[in-house]
Every structure is written in C-alpha cells, then in structure tokens.
Amino acid sequence: MADQRRILVVEDDETIALAVRNRLAAEGFDVRVASDGEAALVAYGRAEPDLVILDRLLPGLDGLEVCRRMQAARPVPVLMLTALGEETDVLVGLGVGADDYLAKPFSMRELVARIHALLRRVERAAQLAVEDTVVRVGEVEIDTAARRVFVRGTEAQLTRTEFDLLRRLAERPGQVFERERLLSDVWGFSEAAATRTVDSHVRALRRKLGPDVVRTVHGVGYALVRR
C-alpha cells in the first residue's frame, strides 16, 4: 500500500519485539525491528519511519541517546517503552523528544490505541500549521503556525505532545480542564488509568516554562495561569 504507515520498533527483548511486530503488522503497518541503539539509528536513516516505538533500556546506546539523535536528524513521533517507575526517568525521556510513554508490562490494545492517537495528532498538527496565530498568556507566547513557544522572549523547546497540551490549555486560559478531558482532547483516547500521562507532561511543561505557568486543581485537573 502506498500510504501504509511505517513503524520502527526498537526493543532488545526478542519476545516483546516479535509480539509487537506481529500485532502491528496485523493492524496494517509496515514494521521494521532493531534490537539495539546502533542498529536503531541505521534502520531509522534507511526506513524513515512515521513513528518509532523505543525501549528506554537498550544495550550500547540507551533509548534516551537514540531518541536524542533521531530527533536531531529528523523529528519523528516517539512512543517510549519503559520498565522504570521513577518519575524522573519518564521526565528525562520526554525531555529528549519522546512524545509519549508506556510502562511495561502493557497490553497490545493500549499500545495500538496510543499509536493511532499519536499518528492522528501528527496529522492534525499538520492541518493546524496553516493557521497563522500567535497566542499570548502571561509571559508565554505560542506561535501555533510555527509550533514555537517563547517565555519572556526565550524559546522553549517543547515536544510535539507538550506543545499540543499547552495549546489546548491556552484556548481557555484560567479554565480548569479535567485530566480525562485533556487525555481525550490531546492524546485522542480516554483511559482513566492513563491520566498519569497527563500529569507527567504537565510536570515536563513546568520544567521548561516555569513552575507557576500551569496551576493544579487537586482532584480535578489543570489550568493555564492567566496574568
């Protein structure tokens, strides 16, 4: 198929790699597999995938360095797989350019849902890029056409997902968005158990934009601070 989406799976566990490849192939994707960091970079250059599923822990180059080099060469949506439960590890992954993460063990149904949602976001971002709009909220300036964000005149390097989350919050400054609503609007799915994904991305935004840019309403959700 000419429009078949290509996915690169980078996973050193052969059992997991095979299961993911078979499931994604059954979903209609063109799937390539690499088992270590160096092989992943070679496959990335040759295959030019539409999306990368990347294990956090790899032999040789780890997933963080692989993600960093991929994004430097050609930005691509990255779904990072991690067996690490520490929040700092998740934030570091988001900081080097991963768009989303999924903790092991995971269900294939959830993996496929995340992939489809991420690809839809890429398509939607391309459509919205034709809009020439600059939004200013307090000290934050959002250029929606160029997908660039500035804080007090200094550019903040946001991932695709961080930008989409910020833009959604900026549509209604001061309004509180429930976690479930943000998960549906930004990620494109609504799994109650996945709301920690929203929390992690909000923390990443605060690290890049400042701790007081996004306000937490405990038990409800988040709001962009309007000053």
C-alpha atoms as a PDB file:
ATOM      1  CA  MET A   1       0.000   0.000   0.000  1.00  0.00           C
ATOM      2  CA  ALA A   2       1.394   3.396  -0.971  1.00  0.00           C
ATOM      3  CA  ASP A   3       0.031   5.091   2.147  1.00  0.00           C
ATOM      4  CA  GLN A   4       0.998   2.327   4.569  1.00  0.00           C
ATOM      5  CA  ARG A   5       2.451   3.780   7.738  1.00  0.00           C
ATOM      6  CA  ARG A   6       5.926   2.586   8.680  1.00  0.00           C
ATOM      7  CA  ILE A   7       6.854   1.919  12.301  1.00  0.00           C
ATOM      8  CA  LEU A   8      10.293   1.178  13.685  1.00  0.00           C
ATOM      9  CA  VAL A   9      10.257  -0.992  16.817  1.00  0.00           C
ATOM     10  CA  VAL A  10      13.432  -0.768  18.894  1.00  0.00           C
ATOM     11  CA  GLU A  11      13.370  -3.483  21.552  1.00  0.00           C
ATOM     12  CA  ASP A  12      16.106  -5.863  22.742  1.00  0.00           C
ATOM     13  CA  ASP A  13      13.705  -8.401  24.244  1.00  0.00           C
ATOM     14  CA  GLU A  14      13.043 -10.750  21.333  1.00  0.00           C
ATOM     15  CA  THR A  15       9.743 -11.995  22.741  1.00  0.00           C
ATOM     16  CA  ILE A  16       8.339  -8.496  23.138  1.00  0.00           C
ATOM     17  CA  ALA A  17       9.723  -7.341  19.776  1.00  0.00           C
ATOM     18  CA  LEU A  18       8.140 -10.287  17.962  1.00  0.00           C
ATOM     19  CA  ALA A  19       4.778  -9.828  19.682  1.00  0.00           C
ATOM     20  CA  VAL A  20       4.702  -6.109  18.886  1.00  0.00           C
ATOM     21  CA  ARG A  21       5.792  -6.651  15.285  1.00  0.00           C
ATOM     22  CA  ASN A  22       3.131  -9.302  14.670  1.00  0.00           C
ATOM     23  CA  ARG A  23       0.360  -7.229  16.231  1.00  0.00           C
ATOM     24  CA  LEU A  24       1.261  -4.072  14.333  1.00  0.00           C
ATOM     25  CA  ALA A  25       1.622  -5.972  11.070  1.00  0.00           C
ATOM     26  CA  ALA A  26      -1.865  -7.374  11.653  1.00  0.00           C
ATOM     27  CA  GLU A  27      -3.048  -3.770  12.111  1.00  0.00           C
ATOM     28  CA  GLY A  28      -1.749  -2.935   8.636  1.00  0.00           C
ATOM     29  CA  PHE A  29       1.548  -1.233   9.495  1.00  0.00           C
ATOM     30  CA  ASP A  30       4.862  -1.747   7.733  1.00  0.00           C
ATOM     31  CA  VAL A  31       7.038  -2.772  10.691  1.00  0.00           C
ATOM     32  CA  ARG A  32      10.825  -2.723  10.999  1.00  0.00           C
ATOM     33  CA  VAL A  33      12.652  -4.026  14.085  1.00  0.00           C
ATOM     34  CA  ALA A  34      16.010  -3.172  15.665  1.00  0.00           C
ATOM     35  CA  SER A  35      17.430  -4.746  18.810  1.00  0.00           C
ATOM     36  CA  ASP A  36      19.999  -2.186  19.936  1.00  0.00           C
ATOM     37  CA  GLY A  37      20.729   1.522  19.733  1.00  0.00           C
ATOM     38  CA  GLU A  38      23.245   1.495  16.907  1.00  0.00           C
ATOM     39  CA  ALA A  39      21.060  -0.744  14.740  1.00  0.00           C
ATOM     40  CA  ALA A  40      18.110   1.510  15.506  1.00  0.00           C
ATOM     41  CA  LEU A  41      19.881   4.602  14.156  1.00  0.00           C
ATOM     42  CA  VAL A  42      20.882   2.761  10.983  1.00  0.00           C
ATOM     43  CA  ALA A  43      17.334   1.477  10.454  1.00  0.00           C
ATOM     44  CA  TYR A  44      15.961   4.925  11.179  1.00  0.00           C
ATOM     45  CA  GLY A  45      18.072   6.501   8.463  1.00  0.00           C
ATOM     46  CA  ARG A  46      17.177   3.857   5.917  1.00  0.00           C
ATOM     47  CA  ALA A  47      13.482   3.296   6.653  1.00  0.00           C
ATOM     48  CA  GLU A  48      12.437   6.891   7.515  1.00  0.00           C
ATOM     49  CA  PRO A  49       9.600   5.634   9.744  1.00  0.00           C
ATOM     50  CA  ASP A  50       6.447   7.572  10.518  1.00  0.00           C
ATOM     51  CA  LEU A  51       6.680   6.586  14.183  1.00  0.00           C
ATOM     52  CA  VAL A  52       9.204   4.913  16.495  1.00  0.00           C
ATOM     53  CA  ILE A  53       8.466   2.613  19.433  1.00  0.00           C
ATOM     54  CA  LEU A  54      11.602   2.864  21.540  1.00  0.00           C
ATOM     55  CA  ASP A  55      12.653   0.882  24.585  1.00  0.00           C
ATOM     56  CA  ARG A  56      14.192   3.045  27.318  1.00  0.00           C
ATOM     57  CA  LEU A  57      16.840   0.456  28.271  1.00  0.00           C
ATOM     58  CA  LEU A  58      18.929  -0.856  25.369  1.00  0.00           C
ATOM     59  CA  PRO A  59      22.360  -2.433  25.051  1.00  0.00           C
ATOM     60  CA  GLY A  60      25.015   0.017  23.879  1.00  0.00           C
ATOM     61  CA  LEU A  61      23.361   3.354  23.249  1.00  0.00           C
ATOM     62  CA  ASP A  62      20.381   3.667  25.569  1.00  0.00           C
ATOM     63  CA  GLY A  63      16.952   4.778  24.461  1.00  0.00           C
ATOM     64  CA  LEU A  64      17.465   8.355  25.623  1.00  0.00           C
ATOM     65  CA  GLU A  65      20.522   8.879  23.433  1.00  0.00           C
ATOM     66  CA  VAL A  66      18.868   7.124  20.497  1.00  0.00           C
ATOM     67  CA  CYS A  67      15.816   9.388  20.831  1.00  0.00           C
ATOM     68  CA  ARG A  68      18.002  12.483  21.065  1.00  0.00           C
ATOM     69  CA  ARG A  69      19.917  11.585  17.885  1.00  0.00           C
ATOM     70  CA  MET A  70      16.767  10.688  15.960  1.00  0.00           C
ATOM     71  CA  GLN A  71      15.089  13.979  16.797  1.00  0.00           C
ATOM     72  CA  ALA A  72      18.224  15.897  15.846  1.00  0.00           C
ATOM     73  CA  ALA A  73      18.361  14.165  12.459  1.00  0.00           C
ATOM     74  CA  ARG A  74      14.646  14.283  11.580  1.00  0.00           C
ATOM     75  CA  PRO A  75      11.839  14.885  14.109  1.00  0.00           C
ATOM     76  CA  VAL A  76       9.592  11.857  14.441  1.00  0.00           C
ATOM     77  CA  PRO A  77       6.851  10.815  16.886  1.00  0.00           C
ATOM     78  CA  VAL A  78       8.378   8.553  19.552  1.00  0.00           C
ATOM     79  CA  LEU A  79       6.498   6.298  21.944  1.00  0.00           C
ATOM     80  CA  MET A  80       8.930   5.239  24.649  1.00  0.00           C
ATOM     81  CA  LEU A  81       8.593   1.927  26.461  1.00  0.00           C
ATOM     82  CA  THR A  82       9.922   1.862  29.977  1.00  0.00           C
ATOM     83  CA  ALA A  83      10.205  -0.603  32.826  1.00  0.00           C
ATOM     84  CA  LEU A  84      11.371   2.196  35.095  1.00  0.00           C
ATOM     85  CA  GLY A  85       8.847   3.523  37.564  1.00  0.00           C
ATOM     86  CA  GLU A  86      10.697   6.622  38.700  1.00  0.00           C
ATOM     87  CA  GLU A  87       9.077   9.849  37.572  1.00  0.00           C
ATOM     88  CA  THR A  88      12.455  11.429  36.846  1.00  0.00           C
ATOM     89  CA  ASP A  89      13.184   8.760  34.242  1.00  0.00           C
ATOM     90  CA  VAL A  90       9.895   9.494  32.493  1.00  0.00           C
ATOM     91  CA  LEU A  91      10.574  13.236  32.515  1.00  0.00           C
ATOM     92  CA  VAL A  92      14.052  12.741  31.100  1.00  0.00           C
ATOM     93  CA  GLY A  93      12.560  10.686  28.270  1.00  0.00           C
ATOM     94  CA  LEU A  94      10.044  13.409  27.500  1.00  0.00           C
ATOM     95  CA  GLY A  95      12.828  15.961  27.708  1.00  0.00           C
ATOM     96  CA  VAL A  96      14.862  14.394  24.896  1.00  0.00           C
ATOM     97  CA  GLY A  97      11.932  14.334  22.498  1.00  0.00           C
ATOM     98  CA  ALA A  98       9.681  11.376  23.299  1.00  0.00           C
ATOM     99  CA  ASP A  99       6.033  12.243  22.656  1.00  0.00           C
ATOM    100  CA  ASP A 100       4.510   9.659  24.941  1.00  0.00           C
ATOM    101  CA  TYR A 101       5.495   6.718  27.117  1.00  0.00           C
ATOM    102  CA  LEU A 102       4.054   3.366  28.059  1.00  0.00           C
ATOM    103  CA  ALA A 103       5.147   1.386  31.108  1.00  0.00           C
ATOM    104  CA  LYS A 104       5.863  -2.323  30.901  1.00  0.00           C
ATOM    105  CA  PRO A 105       4.035  -4.604  31.116  1.00  0.00           C
ATOM    106  CA  PHE A 106       1.462  -3.185  28.695  1.00  0.00           C
ATOM    107  CA  SER A 107      -1.474  -4.517  26.718  1.00  0.00           C
ATOM    108  CA  MET A 108      -1.279  -4.675  22.938  1.00  0.00           C
ATOM    109  CA  ARG A 109      -4.671  -2.993  22.784  1.00  0.00           C
ATOM    110  CA  GLU A 110      -3.347   0.019  24.658  1.00  0.00           C
ATOM    111  CA  LEU A 111      -0.176   0.114  22.551  1.00  0.00           C
ATOM    112  CA  VAL A 112      -2.179   0.161  19.321  1.00  0.00           C
ATOM    113  CA  ALA A 113      -4.506   2.843  20.707  1.00  0.00           C
ATOM    114  CA  ARG A 114      -1.533   5.037  21.639  1.00  0.00           C
ATOM    115  CA  ILE A 115      -0.001   4.623  18.186  1.00  0.00           C
ATOM    116  CA  HIS A 116      -3.179   5.547  16.340  1.00  0.00           C
ATOM    117  CA  ALA A 117      -3.742   8.521  18.644  1.00  0.00           C
ATOM    118  CA  LEU A 118      -0.203   9.786  18.135  1.00  0.00           C
ATOM    119  CA  LEU A 119      -0.423   9.484  14.360  1.00  0.00           C
ATOM    120  CA  ARG A 120      -3.736  11.358  14.392  1.00  0.00           C
ATOM    121  CA  ARG A 121      -2.123  14.151  16.385  1.00  0.00           C
ATOM    122  CA  VAL A 122       0.635  14.445  13.794  1.00  0.00           C
ATOM    123  CA  GLU A 123      -1.929  14.758  11.012  1.00  0.00           C
ATOM    124  CA  ARG A 124      -3.954  17.299  12.990  1.00  0.00           C
ATOM    125  CA  ALA A 125      -0.836  19.352  13.732  1.00  0.00           C
ATOM    126  CA  ALA A 126      -0.011  19.488  10.021  1.00  0.00           C
ATOM    127  CA  GLN A 127      -3.514  20.768   9.261  1.00  0.00           C
ATOM    128  CA  LEU A 128      -3.376  23.387  12.024  1.00  0.00           C
ATOM    129  CA  ALA A 129       0.059  24.571  10.896  1.00  0.00           C
ATOM    130  CA  VAL A 130      -1.561  26.616   8.123  1.00  0.00           C
ATOM    131  CA  GLU A 131      -3.188  28.824  10.760  1.00  0.00           C
ATOM    132  CA  ASP A 132      -1.150  31.957  11.443  1.00  0.00           C
ATOM    133  CA  THR A 133      -2.000  32.576  15.076  1.00  0.00           C
ATOM    134  CA  VAL A 134       0.040  33.867  17.991  1.00  0.00           C
ATOM    135  CA  VAL A 135      -1.429  33.377  21.460  1.00  0.00           C
ATOM    136  CA  ARG A 136      -0.066  35.241  24.474  1.00  0.00           C
ATOM    137  CA  VAL A 137      -0.877  34.174  28.006  1.00  0.00           C
ATOM    138  CA  GLY A 138       1.096  35.997  30.650  1.00  0.00           C
ATOM    139  CA  GLU A 139       4.792  35.667  29.815  1.00  0.00           C
ATOM    140  CA  VAL A 140       4.186  32.777  27.414  1.00  0.00           C
ATOM    141  CA  GLU A 141       3.837  33.345  23.660  1.00  0.00           C
ATOM    142  CA  ILE A 142       2.627  30.490  21.455  1.00  0.00           C
ATOM    143  CA  ASP A 143       3.119  30.617  17.691  1.00  0.00           C
ATOM    144  CA  THR A 144       0.668  27.959  16.523  1.00  0.00           C
ATOM    145  CA  ALA A 145       1.706  28.050  12.865  1.00  0.00           C
ATOM    146  CA  ALA A 146       5.420  27.592  13.541  1.00  0.00           C
ATOM    147  CA  ARG A 147       4.763  25.444  16.645  1.00  0.00           C
ATOM    148  CA  ARG A 148       7.182  27.549  18.674  1.00  0.00           C
ATOM    149  CA  VAL A 149       6.862  28.742  22.257  1.00  0.00           C
ATOM    150  CA  PHE A 150       8.647  31.641  23.933  1.00  0.00           C
ATOM    151  CA  VAL A 151       8.881  32.550  27.599  1.00  0.00           C
ATOM    152  CA  ARG A 152       9.912  36.161  28.191  1.00  0.00           C
ATOM    153  CA  GLY A 153      11.373  36.184  24.678  1.00  0.00           C
ATOM    154  CA  THR A 154      13.425  32.997  25.081  1.00  0.00           C
ATOM    155  CA  GLU A 155      12.362  29.969  23.069  1.00  0.00           C
ATOM    156  CA  ALA A 156      11.388  26.835  24.976  1.00  0.00           C
ATOM    157  CA  GLN A 157      11.995  23.539  23.191  1.00  0.00           C
ATOM    158  CA  LEU A 158       8.774  21.552  23.545  1.00  0.00           C
ATOM    159  CA  THR A 159       7.973  18.111  22.253  1.00  0.00           C
ATOM    160  CA  ARG A 160       5.010  17.613  19.941  1.00  0.00           C
ATOM    161  CA  THR A 161       2.807  16.435  22.807  1.00  0.00           C
ATOM    162  CA  GLU A 162       3.892  19.185  25.192  1.00  0.00           C
ATOM    163  CA  PHE A 163       3.060  21.784  22.559  1.00  0.00           C
ATOM    164  CA  ASP A 164      -0.364  20.263  21.879  1.00  0.00           C
ATOM    165  CA  LEU A 165      -1.116  20.161  25.609  1.00  0.00           C
ATOM    166  CA  LEU A 166      -0.061  23.783  26.098  1.00  0.00           C
ATOM    167  CA  ARG A 167      -2.087  24.932  23.109  1.00  0.00           C
ATOM    168  CA  ARG A 168      -5.185  23.169  24.432  1.00  0.00           C
ATOM    169  CA  LEU A 169      -4.822  24.811  27.836  1.00  0.00           C
ATOM    170  CA  ALA A 170      -4.195  28.173  26.140  1.00  0.00           C
ATOM    171  CA  GLU A 171      -7.516  28.005  24.316  1.00  0.00           C
ATOM    172  CA  ARG A 172      -9.226  28.806  27.632  1.00  0.00           C
ATOM    173  CA  PRO A 173      -6.699  30.497  29.963  1.00  0.00           C
ATOM    174  CA  GLY A 174      -7.776  30.174  33.572  1.00  0.00           C
ATOM    175  CA  GLN A 175     -10.296  27.431  32.840  1.00  0.00           C
ATOM    176  CA  VAL A 176      -9.751  24.145  34.639  1.00  0.00           C
ATOM    177  CA  PHE A 177      -9.510  21.138  32.326  1.00  0.00           C
ATOM    178  CA  GLU A 178     -10.149  17.724  33.822  1.00  0.00           C
ATOM    179  CA  ARG A 179      -7.391  15.175  33.300  1.00  0.00           C
ATOM    180  CA  GLU A 180      -9.762  12.879  31.438  1.00  0.00           C
ATOM    181  CA  ARG A 181     -10.752  15.701  29.091  1.00  0.00           C
ATOM    182  CA  LEU A 182      -7.131  16.582  28.339  1.00  0.00           C
ATOM    183  CA  LEU A 183      -6.355  12.934  27.724  1.00  0.00           C
ATOM    184  CA  SER A 184      -9.211  12.764  25.219  1.00  0.00           C
ATOM    185  CA  ASP A 185      -8.548  16.133  23.545  1.00  0.00           C
ATOM    186  CA  VAL A 186      -4.751  15.916  23.290  1.00  0.00           C
ATOM    187  CA  TRP A 187      -3.939  12.210  23.254  1.00  0.00           C
ATOM    188  CA  GLY A 188      -7.065  11.097  21.468  1.00  0.00           C
ATOM    189  CA  PHE A 189      -8.177   8.384  23.872  1.00  0.00           C
ATOM    190  CA  SER A 190      -9.805   8.227  27.291  1.00  0.00           C
ATOM    191  CA  GLU A 191      -8.361   5.540  29.536  1.00  0.00           C
ATOM    192  CA  ALA A 192      -8.903   6.514  33.171  1.00  0.00           C
ATOM    193  CA  ALA A 193      -5.795   4.570  34.169  1.00  0.00           C
ATOM    194  CA  ALA A 194      -3.682   6.653  31.773  1.00  0.00           C
ATOM    195  CA  THR A 195      -4.259  10.043  33.398  1.00  0.00           C
ATOM    196  CA  ARG A 196      -0.753   9.841  34.909  1.00  0.00           C
ATOM    197  CA  THR A 197       0.438  10.508  31.374  1.00  0.00           C
ATOM    198  CA  VAL A 198      -1.173  13.949  31.624  1.00  0.00           C
ATOM    199  CA  ASP A 199       0.472  14.560  34.996  1.00  0.00           C
ATOM    200  CA  SER A 200       3.918  13.686  33.638  1.00  0.00           C
ATOM    201  CA  HIS A 201       3.576  16.025  30.672  1.00  0.00           C
ATOM    202  CA  VAL A 202       2.364  18.872  32.881  1.00  0.00           C
ATOM    203  CA  ARG A 203       5.454  18.418  35.044  1.00  0.00           C
ATOM    204  CA  ALA A 204       7.600  18.494  31.923  1.00  0.00           C
ATOM    205  CA  LEU A 205       5.912  21.734  30.842  1.00  0.00           C
ATOM    206  CA  ARG A 206       6.621  23.288  34.218  1.00  0.00           C
ATOM    207  CA  ARG A 207      10.282  22.377  33.957  1.00  0.00           C
ATOM    208  CA  LYS A 208      10.530  24.162  30.618  1.00  0.00           C
ATOM    209  CA  LEU A 209       8.148  27.102  31.077  1.00  0.00           C
ATOM    210  CA  GLY A 210       8.325  27.745  34.806  1.00  0.00           C
ATOM    211  CA  PRO A 211       6.689  26.201  37.879  1.00  0.00           C
ATOM    212  CA  ASP A 212       3.808  28.687  38.025  1.00  0.00           C
ATOM    213  CA  VAL A 213       2.623  28.552  34.403  1.00  0.00           C
ATOM    214  CA  VAL A 214       0.203  25.649  34.895  1.00  0.00           C
ATOM    215  CA  ARG A 215      -1.937  25.514  38.018  1.00  0.00           C
ATOM    216  CA  THR A 216      -3.062  22.258  39.631  1.00  0.00           C
ATOM    217  CA  VAL A 217      -6.609  21.977  40.903  1.00  0.00           C
ATOM    218  CA  HIS A 218      -6.348  18.965  43.177  1.00  0.00           C
ATOM    219  CA  GLY A 219      -8.741  16.177  42.376  1.00  0.00           C
ATOM    220  CA  VAL A 220      -9.825  17.877  39.145  1.00  0.00           C
ATOM    221  CA  GLY A 221      -7.138  18.849  36.659  1.00  0.00           C
ATOM    222  CA  TYR A 222      -5.086  21.746  35.339  1.00  0.00           C
ATOM    223  CA  ALA A 223      -5.403  25.331  34.166  1.00  0.00           C
ATOM    224  CA  LEU A 224      -3.070  27.709  32.380  1.00  0.00           C
ATOM    225  CA  VAL A 225      -2.400  30.668  34.660  1.00  0.00           C
ATOM    226  CA  ARG A 226      -3.683  33.938  33.217  1.00  0.00           C
ATOM    227  CA  ARG A 227      -1.778  37.016  34.386  1.00  0.00           C
END
